[in-house]
Amino acid sequence: FGLAIQRAEKGDAAAQTLIGLMYEAGYGIPRDFDKALQWYGLAAKAGDRQAQYALGMMFAGGRGTATDLKRAAEYFQTAAAQGQVDAAYQLALLYLDGTVLARDNGRAATLLMKSAEAGNADAQYQLAQLYDSGVGIPPDQSEAGRWYAAAARQGNVLAEIEYAIRLFNGVG
């Protein structure tokens, strides 16, 4: 904290994000969501995609602030545009849900593909479900099986179950 705060106060966005994380999680210092939001906010304004994602998660979960899915979506969009794959996953879920953002299954599939290819097990599982059902992309049991397997190898329990059933039944 002592080293990072010096850099954060001088405007280093990565250090500001680290300070935000330390306050949010209580790593070595007392947990303080208000300070986490402040530090993440500074870093997000400076363009730090990790801070943008972290703010999105705080607004989505109502951590230290009122739940605000619209604001969370804005932060996820900004971070995902910069290649933050976890933000792409969260944004995809919002497109699939259709409550905060207009339902766009095709856009959700594209975002899930980006996140899944980067190794996000939850995105791999969700993408497999889209291939399985043909939502947002053409149905493809082989691709569904491939993505269920990828997520299962990373310990996604639901993917493990689905993949085991597919193996047993010889599907995909």
N, C-alpha and C. Protein backbone atom coordinates (compact mmCIF):
# COMPACT_ATOMS: atom_id res chain seq x y z
N PHE A 1 0.83 -1.19 0.00
CA PHE A 1 0.00 0.00 0.00
C PHE A 1 0.87 1.25 0.00
N GLY A 2 1.89 1.23 0.84
CA GLY A 2 2.77 2.40 0.95
C GLY A 2 3.42 2.77 -0.36
N LEU A 3 3.85 1.79 -1.13
CA LEU A 3 4.47 2.06 -2.42
C LEU A 3 3.44 2.47 -3.46
N ALA A 4 2.31 1.78 -3.48
CA ALA A 4 1.30 2.05 -4.50
C ALA A 4 0.64 3.41 -4.29
N ILE A 5 0.41 3.80 -3.06
CA ILE A 5 -0.29 5.07 -2.80
C ILE A 5 0.52 6.26 -3.31
N GLN A 6 1.84 6.17 -3.20
CA GLN A 6 2.69 7.26 -3.70
C GLN A 6 2.51 7.43 -5.20
N ARG A 7 2.49 6.33 -5.91
CA ARG A 7 2.31 6.39 -7.36
C ARG A 7 0.88 6.79 -7.73
N ALA A 8 -0.09 6.27 -6.97
CA ALA A 8 -1.48 6.58 -7.24
C ALA A 8 -1.76 8.08 -7.08
N GLU A 9 -1.20 8.67 -6.06
CA GLU A 9 -1.40 10.09 -5.83
C GLU A 9 -0.77 10.96 -6.91
N LYS A 10 0.20 10.39 -7.62
CA LYS A 10 0.85 11.11 -8.73
C LYS A 10 0.14 10.87 -10.06
N GLY A 11 -0.96 10.10 -10.03
CA GLY A 11 -1.76 9.91 -11.23
C GLY A 11 -1.53 8.62 -11.98
N ASP A 12 -0.77 7.68 -11.42
CA ASP A 12 -0.54 6.38 -12.06
C ASP A 12 -1.83 5.57 -12.00
N ALA A 13 -2.47 5.36 -13.15
CA ALA A 13 -3.78 4.70 -13.19
C ALA A 13 -3.72 3.26 -12.69
N ALA A 14 -2.67 2.53 -13.03
CA ALA A 14 -2.56 1.14 -12.56
C ALA A 14 -2.44 1.11 -11.03
N ALA A 15 -1.69 2.04 -10.47
CA ALA A 15 -1.56 2.11 -9.01
C ALA A 15 -2.89 2.52 -8.38
N GLN A 16 -3.62 3.41 -9.02
CA GLN A 16 -4.94 3.81 -8.51
C GLN A 16 -5.88 2.61 -8.49
N THR A 17 -5.82 1.79 -9.53
CA THR A 17 -6.65 0.59 -9.58
C THR A 17 -6.26 -0.37 -8.46
N LEU A 18 -4.98 -0.53 -8.24
CA LEU A 18 -4.50 -1.40 -7.16
C LEU A 18 -4.98 -0.89 -5.81
N ILE A 19 -4.90 0.40 -5.58
CA ILE A 19 -5.38 0.97 -4.31
C ILE A 19 -6.89 0.72 -4.18
N GLY A 20 -7.63 0.90 -5.27
CA GLY A 20 -9.06 0.61 -5.24
C GLY A 20 -9.32 -0.83 -4.86
N LEU A 21 -8.58 -1.75 -5.45
CA LEU A 21 -8.72 -3.17 -5.14
C LEU A 21 -8.41 -3.44 -3.67
N MET A 22 -7.36 -2.82 -3.17
CA MET A 22 -6.98 -3.03 -1.77
C MET A 22 -8.08 -2.55 -0.83
N TYR A 23 -8.67 -1.40 -1.15
CA TYR A 23 -9.77 -0.90 -0.32
C TYR A 23 -11.02 -1.76 -0.47
N GLU A 24 -11.30 -2.19 -1.68
CA GLU A 24 -12.51 -2.99 -1.91
C GLU A 24 -12.45 -4.32 -1.16
N ALA A 25 -11.29 -4.97 -1.20
CA ALA A 25 -11.16 -6.30 -0.61
C ALA A 25 -10.61 -6.28 0.82
N GLY A 26 -10.09 -5.15 1.24
CA GLY A 26 -9.50 -5.09 2.57
C GLY A 26 -8.15 -5.77 2.64
N TYR A 27 -7.39 -5.71 1.57
CA TYR A 27 -6.06 -6.33 1.54
C TYR A 27 -5.06 -5.46 2.29
N GLY A 28 -4.74 -5.83 3.51
CA GLY A 28 -3.74 -5.12 4.29
C GLY A 28 -4.21 -3.81 4.89
N ILE A 29 -5.40 -3.40 4.56
CA ILE A 29 -5.98 -2.16 5.09
C ILE A 29 -7.46 -2.43 5.36
N PRO A 30 -8.10 -1.60 6.18
CA PRO A 30 -9.53 -1.81 6.42
C PRO A 30 -10.33 -1.64 5.13
N ARG A 31 -11.31 -2.51 4.94
CA ARG A 31 -12.19 -2.43 3.77
C ARG A 31 -12.94 -1.10 3.81
N ASP A 32 -12.97 -0.43 2.66
CA ASP A 32 -13.66 0.86 2.57
C ASP A 32 -14.17 1.01 1.13
N PHE A 33 -15.44 0.70 0.91
CA PHE A 33 -16.00 0.74 -0.43
C PHE A 33 -16.02 2.16 -1.01
N ASP A 34 -16.25 3.15 -0.17
CA ASP A 34 -16.26 4.53 -0.67
C ASP A 34 -14.90 4.91 -1.26
N LYS A 35 -13.84 4.56 -0.55
CA LYS A 35 -12.50 4.86 -1.07
C LYS A 35 -12.18 4.01 -2.30
N ALA A 36 -12.66 2.78 -2.31
CA ALA A 36 -12.46 1.93 -3.49
C ALA A 36 -13.11 2.58 -4.71
N LEU A 37 -14.35 3.04 -4.55
CA LEU A 37 -15.05 3.70 -5.65
C LEU A 37 -14.30 4.94 -6.12
N GLN A 38 -13.76 5.70 -5.18
CA GLN A 38 -13.02 6.92 -5.54
C GLN A 38 -11.77 6.59 -6.35
N TRP A 39 -11.00 5.63 -5.87
CA TRP A 39 -9.75 5.28 -6.57
C TRP A 39 -10.03 4.63 -7.92
N TYR A 40 -11.00 3.73 -7.95
CA TYR A 40 -11.37 3.13 -9.24
C TYR A 40 -11.85 4.22 -10.20
N GLY A 41 -12.61 5.18 -9.68
CA GLY A 41 -13.12 6.25 -10.52
C GLY A 41 -12.02 7.07 -11.16
N LEU A 42 -10.99 7.38 -10.39
CA LEU A 42 -9.85 8.12 -10.94
C LEU A 42 -9.16 7.32 -12.05
N ALA A 43 -8.94 6.05 -11.77
CA ALA A 43 -8.26 5.20 -12.74
C ALA A 43 -9.12 4.98 -13.98
N ALA A 44 -10.42 4.83 -13.79
CA ALA A 44 -11.33 4.62 -14.92
C ALA A 44 -11.33 5.85 -15.83
N LYS A 45 -11.34 7.04 -15.25
CA LYS A 45 -11.30 8.27 -16.04
C LYS A 45 -10.01 8.35 -16.84
N ALA A 46 -8.94 7.79 -16.29
CA ALA A 46 -7.65 7.79 -16.98
C ALA A 46 -7.58 6.69 -18.04
N GLY A 47 -8.64 5.88 -18.14
CA GLY A 47 -8.70 4.87 -19.18
C GLY A 47 -8.27 3.47 -18.77
N ASP A 48 -8.12 3.22 -17.48
CA ASP A 48 -7.70 1.88 -17.03
C ASP A 48 -8.87 0.91 -17.14
N ARG A 49 -8.72 -0.10 -17.99
CA ARG A 49 -9.82 -1.03 -18.25
C ARG A 49 -10.14 -1.91 -17.05
N GLN A 50 -9.15 -2.21 -16.21
CA GLN A 50 -9.41 -3.02 -15.01
C GLN A 50 -10.26 -2.23 -14.01
N ALA A 51 -9.98 -0.94 -13.89
CA ALA A 51 -10.77 -0.09 -13.00
C ALA A 51 -12.19 0.06 -13.53
N GLN A 52 -12.33 0.18 -14.84
CA GLN A 52 -13.67 0.28 -15.44
C GLN A 52 -14.47 -0.99 -15.16
N TYR A 53 -13.82 -2.13 -15.32
CA TYR A 53 -14.49 -3.40 -15.03
C TYR A 53 -14.85 -3.48 -13.54
N ALA A 54 -13.92 -3.11 -12.67
CA ALA A 54 -14.17 -3.18 -11.22
C ALA A 54 -15.35 -2.27 -10.84
N LEU A 55 -15.41 -1.08 -11.41
CA LEU A 55 -16.54 -0.20 -11.13
C LEU A 55 -17.84 -0.82 -11.63
N GLY A 56 -17.79 -1.42 -12.80
CA GLY A 56 -18.98 -2.10 -13.32
C GLY A 56 -19.46 -3.17 -12.36
N MET A 57 -18.54 -3.94 -11.83
CA MET A 57 -18.90 -5.00 -10.89
C MET A 57 -19.46 -4.43 -9.59
N MET A 58 -18.90 -3.32 -9.13
CA MET A 58 -19.40 -2.71 -7.90
C MET A 58 -20.82 -2.18 -8.10
N PHE A 59 -21.08 -1.55 -9.25
CA PHE A 59 -22.42 -1.05 -9.53
C PHE A 59 -23.38 -2.19 -9.80
N ALA A 60 -22.93 -3.24 -10.45
CA ALA A 60 -23.80 -4.39 -10.73
C ALA A 60 -24.20 -5.10 -9.45
N GLY A 61 -23.28 -5.18 -8.51
CA GLY A 61 -23.54 -5.91 -7.27
C GLY A 61 -23.99 -5.05 -6.11
N GLY A 62 -24.04 -3.73 -6.31
CA GLY A 62 -24.41 -2.85 -5.21
C GLY A 62 -23.40 -2.87 -4.08
N ARG A 63 -22.13 -3.00 -4.45
CA ARG A 63 -21.06 -3.03 -3.44
C ARG A 63 -20.56 -1.60 -3.20
N GLY A 64 -20.93 -1.04 -2.05
CA GLY A 64 -20.50 0.31 -1.69
C GLY A 64 -21.33 1.40 -2.35
N THR A 65 -22.34 1.00 -3.08
CA THR A 65 -23.18 1.94 -3.79
C THR A 65 -24.51 1.26 -4.09
N ALA A 66 -25.48 2.04 -4.49
CA ALA A 66 -26.75 1.43 -4.89
C ALA A 66 -26.54 0.63 -6.18
N THR A 67 -27.25 -0.46 -6.32
CA THR A 67 -27.18 -1.24 -7.55
C THR A 67 -27.66 -0.37 -8.70
N ASP A 68 -26.85 -0.32 -9.75
CA ASP A 68 -27.18 0.50 -10.91
C ASP A 68 -26.67 -0.25 -12.14
N LEU A 69 -27.52 -1.11 -12.70
CA LEU A 69 -27.11 -1.94 -13.83
C LEU A 69 -26.86 -1.13 -15.10
N LYS A 70 -27.53 -0.03 -15.24
CA LYS A 70 -27.28 0.82 -16.41
C LYS A 70 -25.87 1.40 -16.35
N ARG A 71 -25.51 1.87 -15.21
CA ARG A 71 -24.16 2.42 -15.04
C ARG A 71 -23.11 1.31 -15.15
N ALA A 72 -23.43 0.14 -14.60
CA ALA A 72 -22.53 -1.01 -14.72
C ALA A 72 -22.31 -1.34 -16.18
N ALA A 73 -23.38 -1.35 -16.96
CA ALA A 73 -23.28 -1.66 -18.39
C ALA A 73 -22.37 -0.67 -19.10
N GLU A 74 -22.45 0.60 -18.74
CA GLU A 74 -21.59 1.61 -19.36
C GLU A 74 -20.12 1.32 -19.08
N TYR A 75 -19.81 0.97 -17.83
CA TYR A 75 -18.43 0.64 -17.50
C TYR A 75 -17.98 -0.65 -18.20
N PHE A 76 -18.87 -1.64 -18.26
CA PHE A 76 -18.52 -2.88 -18.96
C PHE A 76 -18.27 -2.62 -20.44
N GLN A 77 -19.09 -1.77 -21.06
CA GLN A 77 -18.90 -1.46 -22.47
C GLN A 77 -17.55 -0.79 -22.72
N THR A 78 -17.20 0.15 -21.86
CA THR A 78 -15.94 0.85 -22.02
C THR A 78 -14.76 -0.09 -21.84
N ALA A 79 -14.82 -0.93 -20.81
CA ALA A 79 -13.72 -1.87 -20.54
C ALA A 79 -13.64 -2.94 -21.62
N ALA A 80 -14.79 -3.45 -22.07
CA ALA A 80 -14.80 -4.49 -23.10
C ALA A 80 -14.24 -3.96 -24.42
N ALA A 81 -14.52 -2.70 -24.72
CA ALA A 81 -14.01 -2.08 -25.95
C ALA A 81 -12.48 -2.02 -25.93
N GLN A 82 -11.90 -2.05 -24.74
CA GLN A 82 -10.45 -2.04 -24.60
C GLN A 82 -9.87 -3.44 -24.42
N GLY A 83 -10.71 -4.46 -24.58
CA GLY A 83 -10.22 -5.83 -24.52
C GLY A 83 -10.30 -6.50 -23.16
N GLN A 84 -11.00 -5.94 -22.22
CA GLN A 84 -11.14 -6.58 -20.91
C GLN A 84 -12.18 -7.69 -21.05
N VAL A 85 -11.72 -8.95 -21.07
CA VAL A 85 -12.59 -10.06 -21.43
C VAL A 85 -13.65 -10.39 -20.38
N ASP A 86 -13.38 -10.14 -19.11
CA ASP A 86 -14.40 -10.38 -18.09
C ASP A 86 -15.53 -9.36 -18.23
N ALA A 87 -15.19 -8.15 -18.63
CA ALA A 87 -16.22 -7.14 -18.88
C ALA A 87 -17.06 -7.55 -20.09
N ALA A 88 -16.41 -8.13 -21.09
CA ALA A 88 -17.15 -8.62 -22.27
C ALA A 88 -18.15 -9.69 -21.85
N TYR A 89 -17.75 -10.57 -20.96
CA TYR A 89 -18.65 -11.61 -20.46
C TYR A 89 -19.85 -10.99 -19.74
N GLN A 90 -19.60 -10.06 -18.84
CA GLN A 90 -20.68 -9.41 -18.09
C GLN A 90 -21.61 -8.66 -19.03
N LEU A 91 -21.04 -8.00 -20.02
CA LEU A 91 -21.84 -7.27 -20.99
C LEU A 91 -22.71 -8.23 -21.80
N ALA A 92 -22.16 -9.37 -22.17
CA ALA A 92 -22.92 -10.39 -22.90
C ALA A 92 -24.14 -10.83 -22.10
N LEU A 93 -23.95 -11.03 -20.80
CA LEU A 93 -25.08 -11.44 -19.96
C LEU A 93 -26.18 -10.38 -19.96
N LEU A 94 -25.79 -9.12 -19.96
CA LEU A 94 -26.78 -8.05 -20.00
C LEU A 94 -27.52 -8.02 -21.33
N TYR A 95 -26.81 -8.31 -22.42
CA TYR A 95 -27.48 -8.38 -23.74
C TYR A 95 -28.43 -9.57 -23.80
N LEU A 96 -28.05 -10.68 -23.19
CA LEU A 96 -28.93 -11.85 -23.17
C LEU A 96 -30.16 -11.61 -22.32
N ASP A 97 -29.98 -10.91 -21.22
CA ASP A 97 -31.08 -10.63 -20.29
C ASP A 97 -32.11 -9.68 -20.90
N GLY A 98 -31.62 -8.63 -21.57
CA GLY A 98 -32.52 -7.70 -22.23
C GLY A 98 -33.23 -6.72 -21.33
N THR A 99 -32.88 -6.65 -20.07
CA THR A 99 -33.54 -5.73 -19.15
C THR A 99 -32.91 -4.35 -19.21
N VAL A 100 -31.61 -4.28 -19.09
CA VAL A 100 -30.90 -3.00 -19.05
C VAL A 100 -30.52 -2.56 -20.47
N LEU A 101 -30.02 -3.49 -21.24
CA LEU A 101 -29.68 -3.25 -22.64
C LEU A 101 -30.70 -3.99 -23.49
N ALA A 102 -30.97 -3.47 -24.66
CA ALA A 102 -31.89 -4.16 -25.56
C ALA A 102 -31.34 -5.55 -25.86
N ARG A 103 -32.21 -6.55 -25.81
CA ARG A 103 -31.78 -7.92 -26.06
C ARG A 103 -31.13 -7.99 -27.44
N ASP A 104 -29.92 -8.55 -27.46
CA ASP A 104 -29.18 -8.71 -28.71
C ASP A 104 -28.38 -10.00 -28.59
N ASN A 105 -28.99 -11.10 -28.97
CA ASN A 105 -28.36 -12.41 -28.82
C ASN A 105 -27.12 -12.55 -29.69
N GLY A 106 -27.13 -11.95 -30.87
CA GLY A 106 -25.97 -12.00 -31.74
C GLY A 106 -24.78 -11.27 -31.15
N ARG A 107 -25.02 -10.09 -30.61
CA ARG A 107 -23.95 -9.32 -29.95
C ARG A 107 -23.45 -10.07 -28.73
N ALA A 108 -24.36 -10.67 -27.99
CA ALA A 108 -23.97 -11.45 -26.82
C ALA A 108 -23.07 -12.61 -27.23
N ALA A 109 -23.42 -13.30 -28.31
CA ALA A 109 -22.61 -14.42 -28.79
C ALA A 109 -21.20 -13.97 -29.17
N THR A 110 -21.11 -12.82 -29.83
CA THR A 110 -19.80 -12.28 -30.22
C THR A 110 -18.95 -11.98 -28.99
N LEU A 111 -19.55 -11.34 -28.00
CA LEU A 111 -18.83 -11.02 -26.77
C LEU A 111 -18.43 -12.28 -26.01
N LEU A 112 -19.33 -13.25 -25.96
CA LEU A 112 -19.01 -14.50 -25.28
C LEU A 112 -17.87 -15.23 -25.98
N MET A 113 -17.85 -15.19 -27.31
CA MET A 113 -16.78 -15.84 -28.06
C MET A 113 -15.43 -15.21 -27.70
N LYS A 114 -15.39 -13.89 -27.65
CA LYS A 114 -14.15 -13.18 -27.31
C LYS A 114 -13.67 -13.59 -25.91
N SER A 115 -14.58 -13.60 -24.98
CA SER A 115 -14.24 -13.93 -23.60
C SER A 115 -13.90 -15.41 -23.45
N ALA A 116 -14.64 -16.27 -24.14
CA ALA A 116 -14.40 -17.71 -24.08
C ALA A 116 -13.04 -18.05 -24.66
N GLU A 117 -12.71 -17.45 -25.79
CA GLU A 117 -11.41 -17.71 -26.42
C GLU A 117 -10.26 -17.25 -25.55
N ALA A 118 -10.51 -16.25 -24.69
CA ALA A 118 -9.48 -15.76 -23.77
C ALA A 118 -9.38 -16.63 -22.51
N GLY A 119 -10.27 -17.63 -22.40
CA GLY A 119 -10.16 -18.56 -21.28
C GLY A 119 -11.14 -18.39 -20.15
N ASN A 120 -12.13 -17.54 -20.29
CA ASN A 120 -13.12 -17.35 -19.23
C ASN A 120 -14.06 -18.56 -19.23
N ALA A 121 -13.99 -19.37 -18.18
CA ALA A 121 -14.77 -20.62 -18.11
C ALA A 121 -16.27 -20.35 -18.10
N ASP A 122 -16.72 -19.30 -17.45
CA ASP A 122 -18.14 -18.99 -17.43
C ASP A 122 -18.62 -18.61 -18.82
N ALA A 123 -17.81 -17.86 -19.55
CA ALA A 123 -18.15 -17.50 -20.92
C ALA A 123 -18.17 -18.74 -21.81
N GLN A 124 -17.23 -19.64 -21.59
CA GLN A 124 -17.21 -20.88 -22.36
C GLN A 124 -18.49 -21.67 -22.15
N TYR A 125 -18.94 -21.75 -20.91
CA TYR A 125 -20.19 -22.45 -20.60
C TYR A 125 -21.38 -21.78 -21.26
N GLN A 126 -21.47 -20.46 -21.14
CA GLN A 126 -22.59 -19.73 -21.74
C GLN A 126 -22.58 -19.86 -23.27
N LEU A 127 -21.39 -19.80 -23.86
CA LEU A 127 -21.29 -19.94 -25.31
C LEU A 127 -21.73 -21.34 -25.74
N ALA A 128 -21.35 -22.34 -24.98
CA ALA A 128 -21.80 -23.71 -25.27
C ALA A 128 -23.32 -23.79 -25.26
N GLN A 129 -23.94 -23.12 -24.30
CA GLN A 129 -25.40 -23.13 -24.24
C GLN A 129 -26.01 -22.47 -25.47
N LEU A 130 -25.39 -21.40 -25.95
CA LEU A 130 -25.90 -20.74 -27.15
C LEU A 130 -25.79 -21.66 -28.37
N TYR A 131 -24.65 -22.33 -28.50
CA TYR A 131 -24.49 -23.29 -29.60
C TYR A 131 -25.48 -24.43 -29.46
N ASP A 132 -25.71 -24.85 -28.24
CA ASP A 132 -26.63 -25.96 -27.98
C ASP A 132 -28.06 -25.60 -28.40
N SER A 133 -28.47 -24.38 -28.11
CA SER A 133 -29.86 -23.97 -28.36
C SER A 133 -30.03 -23.19 -29.66
N GLY A 134 -28.92 -22.72 -30.25
CA GLY A 134 -29.03 -21.92 -31.45
C GLY A 134 -29.50 -20.50 -31.20
N VAL A 135 -29.22 -19.98 -30.03
CA VAL A 135 -29.60 -18.61 -29.68
C VAL A 135 -28.45 -17.68 -30.06
N GLY A 136 -28.71 -16.77 -30.99
CA GLY A 136 -27.70 -15.79 -31.39
C GLY A 136 -26.69 -16.30 -32.38
N ILE A 137 -26.60 -17.60 -32.54
CA ILE A 137 -25.70 -18.24 -33.49
C ILE A 137 -26.35 -19.52 -33.98
N PRO A 138 -25.94 -20.02 -35.14
CA PRO A 138 -26.54 -21.27 -35.62
C PRO A 138 -26.25 -22.42 -34.66
N PRO A 139 -27.21 -23.30 -34.44
CA PRO A 139 -26.96 -24.43 -33.54
C PRO A 139 -25.85 -25.33 -34.09
N ASP A 140 -25.00 -25.78 -33.19
CA ASP A 140 -23.89 -26.64 -33.59
C ASP A 140 -23.50 -27.49 -32.39
N GLN A 141 -23.93 -28.75 -32.40
CA GLN A 141 -23.69 -29.63 -31.26
C GLN A 141 -22.21 -29.92 -31.05
N SER A 142 -21.45 -29.95 -32.13
CA SER A 142 -20.01 -30.19 -32.01
C SER A 142 -19.33 -29.02 -31.28
N GLU A 143 -19.69 -27.80 -31.69
CA GLU A 143 -19.13 -26.61 -31.03
C GLU A 143 -19.61 -26.52 -29.58
N ALA A 144 -20.87 -26.85 -29.35
CA ALA A 144 -21.39 -26.85 -27.98
C ALA A 144 -20.56 -27.80 -27.13
N GLY A 145 -20.32 -29.00 -27.64
CA GLY A 145 -19.52 -29.97 -26.89
C GLY A 145 -18.11 -29.50 -26.64
N ARG A 146 -17.52 -28.85 -27.63
CA ARG A 146 -16.15 -28.33 -27.48
C ARG A 146 -16.08 -27.29 -26.37
N TRP A 147 -17.06 -26.39 -26.32
CA TRP A 147 -17.04 -25.33 -25.31
C TRP A 147 -17.44 -25.86 -23.93
N TYR A 148 -18.36 -26.83 -23.88
CA TYR A 148 -18.65 -27.46 -22.58
C TYR A 148 -17.39 -28.12 -22.05
N ALA A 149 -16.65 -28.80 -22.92
CA ALA A 149 -15.42 -29.48 -22.50
C ALA A 149 -14.39 -28.48 -21.99
N ALA A 150 -14.24 -27.37 -22.71
CA ALA A 150 -13.27 -26.34 -22.29
C ALA A 150 -13.61 -25.80 -20.91
N ALA A 151 -14.88 -25.50 -20.70
CA ALA A 151 -15.31 -24.97 -19.39
C ALA A 151 -15.17 -26.04 -18.31
N ALA A 152 -15.49 -27.28 -18.65
CA ALA A 152 -15.38 -28.38 -17.68
C ALA A 152 -13.93 -28.57 -17.24
N ARG A 153 -13.01 -28.48 -18.18
CA ARG A 153 -11.58 -28.63 -17.83
C ARG A 153 -11.12 -27.57 -16.85
N GLN A 154 -11.81 -26.44 -16.82
CA GLN A 154 -11.46 -25.37 -15.88
C GLN A 154 -12.24 -25.44 -14.58
N GLY A 155 -13.06 -26.47 -14.44
CA GLY A 155 -13.75 -26.66 -13.17
C GLY A 155 -15.14 -26.06 -13.09
N ASN A 156 -15.71 -25.64 -14.20
CA ASN A 156 -17.08 -25.14 -14.18
C ASN A 156 -17.99 -26.35 -13.98
N VAL A 157 -18.62 -26.43 -12.82
CA VAL A 157 -19.37 -27.62 -12.42
C VAL A 157 -20.54 -27.89 -13.37
N LEU A 158 -21.28 -26.86 -13.74
CA LEU A 158 -22.40 -27.08 -14.65
C LEU A 158 -21.92 -27.61 -16.00
N ALA A 159 -20.79 -27.11 -16.47
CA ALA A 159 -20.22 -27.61 -17.73
C ALA A 159 -19.76 -29.05 -17.57
N GLU A 160 -19.20 -29.38 -16.42
CA GLU A 160 -18.77 -30.76 -16.17
C GLU A 160 -19.96 -31.72 -16.28
N ILE A 161 -21.08 -31.32 -15.69
CA ILE A 161 -22.28 -32.16 -15.72
C ILE A 161 -22.78 -32.31 -17.16
N GLU A 162 -22.92 -31.19 -17.84
CA GLU A 162 -23.43 -31.22 -19.22
C GLU A 162 -22.50 -32.01 -20.13
N TYR A 163 -21.20 -31.81 -19.96
CA TYR A 163 -20.24 -32.52 -20.80
C TYR A 163 -20.30 -34.02 -20.52
N ALA A 164 -20.42 -34.41 -19.27
CA ALA A 164 -20.53 -35.83 -18.91
C ALA A 164 -21.77 -36.46 -19.54
N ILE A 165 -22.88 -35.73 -19.50
CA ILE A 165 -24.12 -36.24 -20.10
C ILE A 165 -23.92 -36.41 -21.61
N ARG A 166 -23.26 -35.43 -22.23
CA ARG A 166 -23.00 -35.50 -23.68
C ARG A 166 -22.10 -36.70 -24.00
N LEU A 167 -21.09 -36.91 -23.19
CA LEU A 167 -20.21 -38.06 -23.41
C LEU A 167 -20.97 -39.36 -23.29
N PHE A 168 -21.80 -39.45 -22.28
CA PHE A 168 -22.58 -40.66 -22.04
C PHE A 168 -23.53 -40.94 -23.21
N ASN A 169 -24.17 -39.86 -23.70
CA ASN A 169 -25.16 -40.00 -24.77
C ASN A 169 -24.54 -39.95 -26.17
N GLY A 170 -23.26 -39.59 -26.26
CA GLY A 170 -22.62 -39.49 -27.57
C GLY A 170 -23.10 -38.32 -28.39
N VAL A 171 -23.41 -37.21 -27.74
CA VAL A 171 -23.91 -36.02 -28.43
C VAL A 171 -22.78 -35.01 -28.58
N GLY A 172 -22.59 -34.53 -29.80
CA GLY A 172 -21.62 -33.47 -30.06
C GLY A 172 -20.19 -33.95 -29.96
